[in-house]
Amino acid sequence: MSETIQNFIRHAYLNKKIERFSAGIIQNIDHEKNTIPPHVFNTYQKIILRFFDSTSLIEALEKVIVRRSDDQQMQQILHFLLQPQVQQITQKEEFAKSLQASEEMQIFFTELL
């Protein structure tokens, strides 16, 4: 994979978004454990864990980007993402989705009440 594509994925925080998505799916599997017979659940769990593995999803994303864009396009997009204002916005967006931000919001709303 080109370094430009890897940098794009990192600076667009796509890797973190995919990791959060995968973690959410995997966490939800545990909630279904008691609703599915054990022998079916084990097969179901293996399929979901394999299919929603964040590393596999990121690799698939890289392949799609390679097929649908060229290096020059990616360099232009990466250049945009590396602008200080854009970096500041994306970093704030990522922080807002973090566990720490979630805890801070909970404290804020509790104090507000």
C-alpha atoms as a PDB file:
ATOM      1  CA  MET A   1       0.000   0.000   0.000  1.00  0.00           C
ATOM      2  CA  SER A   2       1.233   3.459  -0.754  1.00  0.00           C
ATOM      3  CA  GLU A   3       2.416   5.620   2.067  1.00  0.00           C
ATOM      4  CA  THR A   4       0.058   8.368   0.869  1.00  0.00           C
ATOM      5  CA  ILE A   5      -2.977   6.122   1.349  1.00  0.00           C
ATOM      6  CA  GLN A   6      -1.808   4.997   4.755  1.00  0.00           C
ATOM      7  CA  ASN A   7      -1.263   8.634   5.775  1.00  0.00           C
ATOM      8  CA  PHE A   8      -4.705   9.550   4.424  1.00  0.00           C
ATOM      9  CA  ILE A   9      -6.346   6.816   6.488  1.00  0.00           C
ATOM     10  CA  ARG A  10      -4.445   7.893   9.595  1.00  0.00           C
ATOM     11  CA  HIS A  11      -5.023  11.656   9.211  1.00  0.00           C
ATOM     12  CA  ALA A  12      -8.711  11.198   8.357  1.00  0.00           C
ATOM     13  CA  TYR A  13      -8.927   9.023  11.486  1.00  0.00           C
ATOM     14  CA  LEU A  14     -10.531   6.292   9.378  1.00  0.00           C
ATOM     15  CA  ASN A  15      -8.533   3.656  11.225  1.00  0.00           C
ATOM     16  CA  LYS A  16      -9.887   4.852  14.572  1.00  0.00           C
ATOM     17  CA  LYS A  17     -13.432   5.045  13.201  1.00  0.00           C
ATOM     18  CA  ILE A  18     -13.189   1.495  11.903  1.00  0.00           C
ATOM     19  CA  GLU A  19     -11.714   0.307  15.211  1.00  0.00           C
ATOM     20  CA  ARG A  20     -14.614   1.908  17.131  1.00  0.00           C
ATOM     21  CA  PHE A  21     -17.111   0.395  14.706  1.00  0.00           C
ATOM     22  CA  SER A  22     -15.563  -3.075  15.083  1.00  0.00           C
ATOM     23  CA  ALA A  23     -15.424  -2.782  18.860  1.00  0.00           C
ATOM     24  CA  GLY A  24     -19.100  -1.808  18.962  1.00  0.00           C
ATOM     25  CA  ILE A  25     -20.118  -4.770  16.824  1.00  0.00           C
ATOM     26  CA  ILE A  26     -18.002  -7.175  18.866  1.00  0.00           C
ATOM     27  CA  GLN A  27     -19.341  -5.783  22.138  1.00  0.00           C
ATOM     28  CA  ASN A  28     -22.897  -6.303  20.935  1.00  0.00           C
ATOM     29  CA  ILE A  29     -22.189  -9.988  20.345  1.00  0.00           C
ATOM     30  CA  ASP A  30     -22.002 -10.532  24.094  1.00  0.00           C
ATOM     31  CA  HIS A  31     -25.496  -9.076  24.509  1.00  0.00           C
ATOM     32  CA  GLU A  32     -26.874 -11.726  22.159  1.00  0.00           C
ATOM     33  CA  LYS A  33     -25.209 -14.643  23.937  1.00  0.00           C
ATOM     34  CA  ASN A  34     -28.275 -15.555  25.985  1.00  0.00           C
ATOM     35  CA  THR A  35     -30.715 -15.199  23.093  1.00  0.00           C
ATOM     36  CA  ILE A  36     -29.104 -17.773  20.775  1.00  0.00           C
ATOM     37  CA  PRO A  37     -28.499 -21.474  21.471  1.00  0.00           C
ATOM     38  CA  PRO A  38     -24.845 -22.047  22.450  1.00  0.00           C
ATOM     39  CA  HIS A  39     -23.864 -24.143  19.411  1.00  0.00           C
ATOM     40  CA  VAL A  40     -25.355 -21.544  17.032  1.00  0.00           C
ATOM     41  CA  PHE A  41     -23.871 -18.650  19.018  1.00  0.00           C
ATOM     42  CA  ASN A  42     -20.335 -20.040  18.784  1.00  0.00           C
ATOM     43  CA  THR A  43     -20.539 -20.262  14.987  1.00  0.00           C
ATOM     44  CA  TYR A  44     -22.187 -16.835  14.805  1.00  0.00           C
ATOM     45  CA  GLN A  45     -19.495 -15.318  17.020  1.00  0.00           C
ATOM     46  CA  LYS A  46     -16.657 -16.756  14.912  1.00  0.00           C
ATOM     47  CA  ILE A  47     -18.189 -15.369  11.718  1.00  0.00           C
ATOM     48  CA  ILE A  48     -18.787 -11.906  13.190  1.00  0.00           C
ATOM     49  CA  LEU A  49     -15.325 -11.704  14.775  1.00  0.00           C
ATOM     50  CA  ARG A  50     -13.691 -12.672  11.482  1.00  0.00           C
ATOM     51  CA  PHE A  51     -15.850 -10.420   9.331  1.00  0.00           C
ATOM     52  CA  PHE A  52     -15.668  -7.320  11.536  1.00  0.00           C
ATOM     53  CA  ASP A  53     -12.001  -7.539  12.471  1.00  0.00           C
ATOM     54  CA  SER A  54     -10.711  -3.943  12.261  1.00  0.00           C
ATOM     55  CA  THR A  55      -7.407  -4.937  10.648  1.00  0.00           C
ATOM     56  CA  SER A  56      -9.220  -6.759   7.847  1.00  0.00           C
ATOM     57  CA  LEU A  57     -11.635  -3.871   7.356  1.00  0.00           C
ATOM     58  CA  ILE A  58      -8.788  -1.342   7.118  1.00  0.00           C
ATOM     59  CA  GLU A  59      -6.997  -3.536   4.570  1.00  0.00           C
ATOM     60  CA  ALA A  60     -10.207  -3.770   2.542  1.00  0.00           C
ATOM     61  CA  LEU A  61     -10.587   0.017   2.697  1.00  0.00           C
ATOM     62  CA  GLU A  62      -7.034   0.462   1.417  1.00  0.00           C
ATOM     63  CA  LYS A  63      -7.793  -1.808  -1.549  1.00  0.00           C
ATOM     64  CA  VAL A  64     -10.945   0.147  -2.395  1.00  0.00           C
ATOM     65  CA  ILE A  65      -9.045   3.434  -2.258  1.00  0.00           C
ATOM     66  CA  VAL A  66      -6.324   2.041  -4.543  1.00  0.00           C
ATOM     67  CA  ARG A  67      -8.930   0.887  -7.075  1.00  0.00           C
ATOM     68  CA  ARG A  68     -10.940   4.102  -7.045  1.00  0.00           C
ATOM     69  CA  SER A  69      -8.301   6.818  -6.883  1.00  0.00           C
ATOM     70  CA  ASP A  70      -4.822   7.643  -8.018  1.00  0.00           C
ATOM     71  CA  ASP A  71      -1.820   8.769  -6.019  1.00  0.00           C
ATOM     72  CA  GLN A  72      -2.150  12.379  -7.149  1.00  0.00           C
ATOM     73  CA  GLN A  73      -5.748  12.573  -5.893  1.00  0.00           C
ATOM     74  CA  MET A  74      -4.735  11.076  -2.584  1.00  0.00           C
ATOM     75  CA  GLN A  75      -1.850  13.520  -2.229  1.00  0.00           C
ATOM     76  CA  GLN A  76      -4.231  16.425  -2.800  1.00  0.00           C
ATOM     77  CA  ILE A  77      -6.661  15.097  -0.212  1.00  0.00           C
ATOM     78  CA  LEU A  78      -3.838  14.432   2.231  1.00  0.00           C
ATOM     79  CA  HIS A  79      -2.504  17.960   1.684  1.00  0.00           C
ATOM     80  CA  PHE A  80      -5.963  19.286   2.593  1.00  0.00           C
ATOM     81  CA  LEU A  81      -6.151  17.093   5.695  1.00  0.00           C
ATOM     82  CA  LEU A  82      -2.747  18.321   6.848  1.00  0.00           C
ATOM     83  CA  GLN A  83      -3.849  21.970   6.902  1.00  0.00           C
ATOM     84  CA  PRO A  84      -3.686  23.167  10.529  1.00  0.00           C
ATOM     85  CA  GLN A  85      -7.354  24.217  10.618  1.00  0.00           C
ATOM     86  CA  VAL A  86      -8.527  20.879   9.233  1.00  0.00           C
ATOM     87  CA  GLN A  87      -6.300  18.964  11.652  1.00  0.00           C
ATOM     88  CA  GLN A  88      -7.708  20.953  14.544  1.00  0.00           C
ATOM     89  CA  ILE A  89     -11.287  20.202  13.488  1.00  0.00           C
ATOM     90  CA  THR A  90     -10.673  16.476  12.970  1.00  0.00           C
ATOM     91  CA  GLN A  91      -8.823  16.191  16.282  1.00  0.00           C
ATOM     92  CA  LYS A  92     -11.734  17.846  18.092  1.00  0.00           C
ATOM     93  CA  GLU A  93     -14.155  15.519  16.346  1.00  0.00           C
ATOM     94  CA  GLU A  94     -12.143  12.470  17.417  1.00  0.00           C
ATOM     95  CA  PHE A  95     -11.848  13.718  20.993  1.00  0.00           C
ATOM     96  CA  ALA A  96     -15.612  14.207  21.121  1.00  0.00           C
ATOM     97  CA  LYS A  97     -16.007  10.505  20.307  1.00  0.00           C
ATOM     98  CA  SER A  98     -13.498   9.286  22.881  1.00  0.00           C
ATOM     99  CA  LEU A  99     -14.370   7.635  26.178  1.00  0.00           C
ATOM    100  CA  GLN A 100     -12.822  10.531  28.064  1.00  0.00           C
ATOM    101  CA  ALA A 101     -15.128  13.000  26.304  1.00  0.00           C
ATOM    102  CA  SER A 102     -18.088  10.741  26.997  1.00  0.00           C
ATOM    103  CA  GLU A 103     -17.259  10.729  30.694  1.00  0.00           C
ATOM    104  CA  GLU A 104     -16.848  14.522  30.697  1.00  0.00           C
ATOM    105  CA  MET A 105     -20.238  14.939  29.019  1.00  0.00           C
ATOM    106  CA  GLN A 106     -21.854  12.638  31.588  1.00  0.00           C
ATOM    107  CA  ILE A 107     -20.360  14.701  34.421  1.00  0.00           C
ATOM    108  CA  PHE A 108     -21.512  17.914  32.741  1.00  0.00           C
ATOM    109  CA  PHE A 109     -25.105  16.663  32.399  1.00  0.00           C
ATOM    110  CA  THR A 110     -25.152  15.293  35.926  1.00  0.00           C
ATOM    111  CA  GLU A 111     -24.003  18.649  37.279  1.00  0.00           C
ATOM    112  CA  LEU A 112     -26.483  20.413  35.037  1.00  0.00           C
ATOM    113  CA  LEU A 113     -29.362  18.498  36.587  1.00  0.00           C
END
